[in-house]
Structures are given as structure tokens and as C-alpha cells.
Amino acid sequence: MLTVRGRFDGENIKLLETIPFHEASEVLITFLQQDVQPKTTKSGDWRKLRGSSKGINLTKALLMSRKEDLLHEK
């Protein structure tokens, strides 16, 4: 798979980069929306996503829980 940039003028697509091969090939064209701004988040939203488990970070708690599950499965 190869990605190259191009420009659509409303009728035609013009490649902005060269393609390193010349064989006929199927392509998939994705239009990037230039006018859409990324959604900003409030600083508190990230803290909600981090999660906590009584002073232990979430990743450590999940790993410990998985380890216990594996011991019980045996």
C-alpha cells in the first residue's frame, strides 16, 4: 500500500507526489476535509479518562487483575 498526496479541483485529481511504479493498479481515494477543525477537550476530560484505582494507576491495576484471573483459570 502506498499513500500519495493530491489535489482535487472539483473535477480532476492531480497528484502532488511521484509514484515509484508505472503498472496499472487499483486505487482508493480518500478526501480529507480541510474545513473541519479538531475537537478540543477540557483539561478535566483527560483526567476522567485516566481512571484511578485507590492510588494505583489504572494500567497497573488492570495488569494485577489479569494476573489474578490467569491464576484462577489454572
N, C-alpha and C. Protein backbone atom coordinates (compact mmCIF):
# COMPACT_ATOMS: atom_id res chain seq x y z
N MET A 1 0.85 -1.17 0.00
CA MET A 1 0.00 0.00 0.00
C MET A 1 0.90 1.23 0.00
N LEU A 2 0.50 2.23 -0.74
CA LEU A 2 1.26 3.46 -0.86
C LEU A 2 0.30 4.64 -0.73
N THR A 3 0.70 5.65 -0.01
CA THR A 3 -0.11 6.86 0.13
C THR A 3 0.62 8.01 -0.54
N VAL A 4 -0.09 8.73 -1.39
CA VAL A 4 0.47 9.93 -2.03
C VAL A 4 -0.54 11.06 -1.90
N ARG A 5 -0.04 12.26 -1.83
CA ARG A 5 -0.92 13.42 -1.72
C ARG A 5 -1.33 13.87 -3.11
N GLY A 6 -2.51 14.47 -3.18
CA GLY A 6 -3.03 15.00 -4.43
C GLY A 6 -3.97 16.16 -4.15
N ARG A 7 -4.43 16.78 -5.20
CA ARG A 7 -5.34 17.92 -5.06
C ARG A 7 -6.52 17.70 -6.01
N PHE A 8 -7.75 17.81 -5.50
CA PHE A 8 -8.96 17.69 -6.30
C PHE A 8 -9.48 19.09 -6.59
N ASP A 9 -9.62 19.43 -7.86
CA ASP A 9 -10.05 20.78 -8.23
C ASP A 9 -11.55 20.88 -8.47
N GLY A 10 -12.29 19.87 -8.08
CA GLY A 10 -13.73 19.85 -8.31
C GLY A 10 -14.10 18.97 -9.48
N GLU A 11 -13.11 18.62 -10.31
CA GLU A 11 -13.36 17.79 -11.47
C GLU A 11 -12.28 16.71 -11.64
N ASN A 12 -11.03 17.07 -11.44
CA ASN A 12 -9.91 16.14 -11.65
C ASN A 12 -9.03 16.07 -10.40
N ILE A 13 -8.32 14.96 -10.29
CA ILE A 13 -7.37 14.79 -9.21
C ILE A 13 -5.97 14.88 -9.79
N LYS A 14 -5.13 15.77 -9.23
CA LYS A 14 -3.74 15.92 -9.68
C LYS A 14 -2.84 15.46 -8.54
N LEU A 15 -1.95 14.51 -8.85
CA LEU A 15 -1.02 14.01 -7.85
C LEU A 15 0.03 15.07 -7.55
N LEU A 16 0.37 15.22 -6.27
CA LEU A 16 1.39 16.18 -5.85
C LEU A 16 2.72 15.50 -5.59
N GLU A 17 2.76 14.18 -5.70
CA GLU A 17 3.98 13.40 -5.49
C GLU A 17 4.11 12.38 -6.62
N THR A 18 5.32 11.94 -6.86
CA THR A 18 5.53 10.92 -7.90
C THR A 18 5.26 9.53 -7.32
N ILE A 19 4.86 8.63 -8.18
CA ILE A 19 4.60 7.25 -7.80
C ILE A 19 5.77 6.41 -8.30
N PRO A 20 6.34 5.56 -7.43
CA PRO A 20 7.57 4.84 -7.78
C PRO A 20 7.36 3.62 -8.69
N PHE A 21 6.20 3.47 -9.29
CA PHE A 21 5.97 2.37 -10.22
C PHE A 21 5.05 2.85 -11.34
N HIS A 22 4.96 2.08 -12.43
CA HIS A 22 4.18 2.52 -13.60
C HIS A 22 3.12 1.52 -14.02
N GLU A 23 2.98 0.39 -13.30
CA GLU A 23 1.96 -0.60 -13.66
C GLU A 23 0.57 -0.06 -13.31
N ALA A 24 -0.42 -0.51 -14.07
CA ALA A 24 -1.81 -0.17 -13.76
C ALA A 24 -2.17 -0.78 -12.41
N SER A 25 -2.93 -0.06 -11.61
CA SER A 25 -3.25 -0.53 -10.28
C SER A 25 -4.57 0.05 -9.82
N GLU A 26 -5.24 -0.69 -8.96
CA GLU A 26 -6.47 -0.19 -8.35
C GLU A 26 -6.10 0.79 -7.26
N VAL A 27 -6.88 1.86 -7.11
CA VAL A 27 -6.60 2.86 -6.08
C VAL A 27 -7.85 3.09 -5.24
N LEU A 28 -7.62 3.59 -4.06
CA LEU A 28 -8.69 4.00 -3.15
C LEU A 28 -8.43 5.46 -2.84
N ILE A 29 -9.39 6.32 -3.11
CA ILE A 29 -9.21 7.76 -2.92
C ILE A 29 -9.98 8.20 -1.69
N THR A 30 -9.30 8.89 -0.79
CA THR A 30 -9.93 9.40 0.43
C THR A 30 -9.84 10.91 0.40
N PHE A 31 -10.97 11.57 0.58
CA PHE A 31 -11.00 13.02 0.60
C PHE A 31 -10.84 13.50 2.03
N LEU A 32 -9.84 14.33 2.27
CA LEU A 32 -9.60 14.89 3.59
C LEU A 32 -10.39 16.18 3.70
N GLN A 33 -11.13 16.33 4.77
CA GLN A 33 -11.92 17.54 4.97
C GLN A 33 -11.04 18.61 5.60
N GLN A 34 -10.70 19.62 4.83
CA GLN A 34 -9.81 20.67 5.30
C GLN A 34 -10.52 21.65 6.23
N ASP A 35 -11.83 21.79 6.12
CA ASP A 35 -12.55 22.80 6.88
C ASP A 35 -12.99 22.32 8.26
N VAL A 36 -12.75 21.06 8.58
CA VAL A 36 -13.16 20.52 9.88
C VAL A 36 -12.03 20.74 10.88
N GLN A 37 -12.32 21.44 11.95
CA GLN A 37 -11.33 21.69 13.00
C GLN A 37 -11.36 20.56 14.01
N PRO A 38 -10.21 20.16 14.54
CA PRO A 38 -10.21 19.12 15.56
C PRO A 38 -10.97 19.58 16.79
N LYS A 39 -11.68 18.66 17.39
CA LYS A 39 -12.47 18.96 18.57
C LYS A 39 -11.53 19.13 19.77
N THR A 40 -11.69 20.22 20.48
CA THR A 40 -10.86 20.44 21.65
C THR A 40 -11.57 19.88 22.88
N THR A 41 -10.80 19.50 23.86
CA THR A 41 -11.37 18.95 25.08
C THR A 41 -10.99 19.83 26.26
N LYS A 42 -11.80 19.76 27.28
CA LYS A 42 -11.49 20.47 28.52
C LYS A 42 -10.42 19.67 29.24
N SER A 43 -9.59 20.35 30.00
CA SER A 43 -8.49 19.66 30.68
C SER A 43 -9.01 18.60 31.64
N GLY A 44 -10.17 18.78 32.23
CA GLY A 44 -10.73 17.80 33.16
C GLY A 44 -11.16 16.51 32.47
N ASP A 45 -11.47 16.58 31.17
CA ASP A 45 -11.90 15.39 30.44
C ASP A 45 -10.81 14.33 30.42
N TRP A 46 -9.55 14.74 30.28
CA TRP A 46 -8.45 13.77 30.24
C TRP A 46 -8.30 13.07 31.58
N ARG A 47 -8.51 13.80 32.67
CA ARG A 47 -8.40 13.18 33.98
C ARG A 47 -9.46 12.11 34.17
N LYS A 48 -10.64 12.33 33.64
CA LYS A 48 -11.71 11.33 33.74
C LYS A 48 -11.35 10.06 32.99
N LEU A 49 -10.66 10.21 31.85
CA LEU A 49 -10.29 9.05 31.06
C LEU A 49 -9.16 8.24 31.69
N ARG A 50 -8.30 8.89 32.47
CA ARG A 50 -7.17 8.19 33.08
C ARG A 50 -7.63 7.14 34.07
N GLY A 51 -8.66 7.42 34.83
CA GLY A 51 -9.15 6.47 35.82
C GLY A 51 -8.21 6.33 36.99
N SER A 52 -8.70 5.78 38.07
CA SER A 52 -7.83 5.51 39.21
C SER A 52 -8.38 4.33 39.96
N SER A 53 -7.52 3.70 40.71
CA SER A 53 -7.93 2.53 41.48
C SER A 53 -7.28 2.62 42.85
N LYS A 54 -7.83 3.47 43.71
CA LYS A 54 -7.35 3.65 45.08
C LYS A 54 -5.85 3.90 45.15
N GLY A 55 -5.38 4.88 44.40
CA GLY A 55 -3.97 5.25 44.45
C GLY A 55 -3.08 4.48 43.49
N ILE A 56 -3.56 3.39 42.90
CA ILE A 56 -2.77 2.62 41.95
C ILE A 56 -3.20 3.06 40.56
N ASN A 57 -2.26 3.28 39.68
CA ASN A 57 -2.69 3.71 38.35
C ASN A 57 -3.47 2.60 37.66
N LEU A 58 -4.31 2.97 36.76
CA LEU A 58 -5.25 2.04 36.13
C LEU A 58 -4.55 0.90 35.42
N THR A 59 -3.48 1.18 34.71
CA THR A 59 -2.78 0.12 33.98
C THR A 59 -2.25 -0.94 34.93
N LYS A 60 -1.63 -0.50 36.01
CA LYS A 60 -1.10 -1.45 36.99
C LYS A 60 -2.23 -2.28 37.60
N ALA A 61 -3.36 -1.65 37.92
CA ALA A 61 -4.49 -2.36 38.50
C ALA A 61 -5.04 -3.40 37.52
N LEU A 62 -5.14 -3.04 36.24
CA LEU A 62 -5.64 -3.99 35.24
C LEU A 62 -4.70 -5.16 35.05
N LEU A 63 -3.38 -4.89 35.05
CA LEU A 63 -2.41 -5.97 34.91
C LEU A 63 -2.46 -6.92 36.11
N MET A 64 -2.59 -6.35 37.31
CA MET A 64 -2.70 -7.20 38.51
C MET A 64 -3.97 -8.04 38.46
N SER A 65 -5.06 -7.44 38.02
CA SER A 65 -6.33 -8.15 37.91
C SER A 65 -6.23 -9.29 36.90
N ARG A 66 -5.59 -9.04 35.79
CA ARG A 66 -5.42 -10.07 34.75
C ARG A 66 -4.55 -11.21 35.27
N LYS A 67 -3.50 -10.87 36.03
CA LYS A 67 -2.63 -11.89 36.60
C LYS A 67 -3.42 -12.79 37.55
N GLU A 68 -4.29 -12.18 38.36
CA GLU A 68 -5.14 -12.96 39.27
C GLU A 68 -6.09 -13.86 38.49
N ASP A 69 -6.66 -13.33 37.39
CA ASP A 69 -7.55 -14.13 36.56
C ASP A 69 -6.83 -15.36 36.00
N LEU A 70 -5.60 -15.17 35.55
CA LEU A 70 -4.84 -16.28 35.00
C LEU A 70 -4.56 -17.34 36.06
N LEU A 71 -4.29 -16.90 37.28
CA LEU A 71 -4.04 -17.86 38.38
C LEU A 71 -5.30 -18.67 38.69
N HIS A 72 -6.46 -18.01 38.64
CA HIS A 72 -7.73 -18.71 38.91
C HIS A 72 -8.14 -19.65 37.79
N GLU A 73 -7.70 -19.36 36.55
CA GLU A 73 -8.03 -20.21 35.41
C GLU A 73 -7.29 -21.55 35.46
N LYS A 74 -6.13 -21.57 36.13
CA LYS A 74 -5.33 -22.81 36.20
C LYS A 74 -5.95 -23.78 37.09
